[in-house]
Amino acid sequence: KPSIAPFKYDEGRNVGLCFFVTWENSGSTPTRYLTLNINSGSFDQIPTGDMFKDSGDKIDTPMVIGPKATIFSDPVTWDADQLATIQTGEKILFVWGRARYKDRFEDTTIHRTRFVYKIWWRGDPQHPNDPLPLFFIPLHDKFNCADEECERQEQEQAKDKRLRPVN
């Protein structure tokens, strides 16, 4: 579940925003060797390939989510200048990430989940009491998957020459 929140104020005005994802273990056993990665970027146009790579700045530290428990991802942040290019439509903002983990049972495969959100802008970030919602956060139409579906999507991408990264 994604969330956006202001992270700095200057005389009552937002200076930037942070985005984070709440990860939930909906199962009845804890995860093992869980690693999370979240990243974001702005593009001049909607990417035609899988431009959504792991953040190289994040270290994959193994962690655990207990049964029916939740944890938060690291935040990604955007300052006012970056946000202005999104608000004016010059750039399109995406936030993406993945989780990898094993079940607590021996000899289980590594599970993975990927997500890509497109951040739609509406309203004025400098006025937090604006009656219009500031952001809509729909899932992007590609690269949202779990387990075998991720592998299927990656194989389709490798075959489809139209899904090459934008230069």
Foldseek 3Di string as FASTA:
>chain_A
DKDKDADDDDVQFGFKIKMKDKDWAQDQAKWWQKFKFKDKDKAQDPWLACPPDGDPVDDGDGDMAGHGGIDMDDIDMDGPVRVVCQQVSRIKMKMKMKMWTFTPDPPGDIKMWIWMWTWHADDDRGDVVPPDDGIDTDTDPDDGDIDPVNVVRVVVRVVDPSRDTDD
